[in-house]
Amino acid sequence: MVDLYWKDYVLIKNDLFENFWESFLERRKGRRILFILGKGFDPRMCHIINIIYPLTRKYNVDFNCLLVEFHEGDDSPSLKHNKIVSGNEQKFYNIINNPDIINKKELIIWTGNGNEKRRVCSVNATKLLNSSDIEGYTDIILDISSLPHSIYYPLIGKLLNLIKKCNVDCNFHVAVAESQELDVAIKSVGLDEKAEYIHGFGNQSMFSEVDQNVPKVWFPVLGEGSRAKLEKFYELIEPDEICPILPFPSKNPRRSDDILKEYRQLLFDVWNIEIRNIIYADEQNPFQVYRHICNAVLRYNNALNPLRGAKYTVSAVSSKLLSLGALLAVYNLKEIGFNIGLANVDVYGYTFKENNTKSLNKKFELFNVWLYGNCYK
């Protein structure tokens, strides 16, 4: 029997978010907080820090902030939103009106030029922090609201490893202002030529000649408008079995049906997926996605153990919360020795209709995912 780390969990959401942090900071004196967020055009960039930072001032909490700056390239479609990025940055400095507690770190996305140009985003994300950067903090809050998968995937893995390795008494929280409508409105532009495994979450045995005959199982967490990404994942993995994960329950009761309709031809006519392989997970609970993937891997492993087991890959083209659940499953299963990897397809940039921003701002839902610390001891 495998003991899963997040069998029990703490998930704070919606109206309880601000109440939780108010109570947490009021009762626990002597806190020292490191807040990490990304600079970008996403309207959610300052939403959470605008709630937490004033509470730290109210309760005289020692607070420091790390602002991650990333540049997607001189030809990135995201550049057309530079005016919004500048507006978000100004709003950030208006909230944190003390430059002494702000540390900025640049994350290099590309190295080389021309044909030698190579993406190094996820590798550099793991180098943003080391043990000295987290020393002395009682709480680390990573706000992934305005960060892409290729940055927050390896950053979460690195922080979990650092906290465990340093054996520090530190709580690790992942916060997100979730908006399924905004995720759909932000369109990725220009996909990389092929999918790759995230640095630190690779599956090297997937390419081992020794294991070529071992079955390969793929768990794609599905979202809208991502057929091209799914096809690149398929080319990378060449799976023998596919278990799609769909968001249900969801705020839109028909969302999973709409996604199935969008990919019907690809899933059932091209890839011949069996209906019984479809997994449903609550779109607002990353731990449910985590559990479903872990339990499915354990079942496959028991069934295929006489045949030397299987190799597993997880990918996500969905919301921040569902993607976080996929990450946690891979992290936990790799830690206990399973042959599993987390794949991703990077993009050259993003675009969205700016005139939708005001209406979308009203639809943010807040989530605090407590991943490590006192509540698990």
Foldseek 3Di string as FASTA:
>chain_A
DDDFQVPDFDKDWFPCVLVVLLVVLQVDPAAAEEEEFEQALQPCRCVVVLRNVVSCVVSVYHYAYEYEYEDLDPPFPRVVSVVSSVVVVVVVCVSVVDCVRYHYDYAYQWDDDDPPIDGCRLVSLLVPDALVVCPPGQEYEYECAPPDCLRVLSNVLSVVVSCVVVVDQHWYKYKYFWFQVVLVQKAFAAWDPAKAFRVVFHQVCLPPPVCVPFAEEEEEEDDPDCPVFVVRVCVVRVGPAYQYEYAPPDPPNCRRVVRCVVCVCVVCVPVNHDPVSYHYDHPQALQRLLVVVLVVQVVQQVVCVVVVGHAYEYEYPGIPSVRVSSSSNSSRCVVVPGSYTYMDMDGSYIDGDPVCSVVSVVRTMMMMTTDDHDVSD
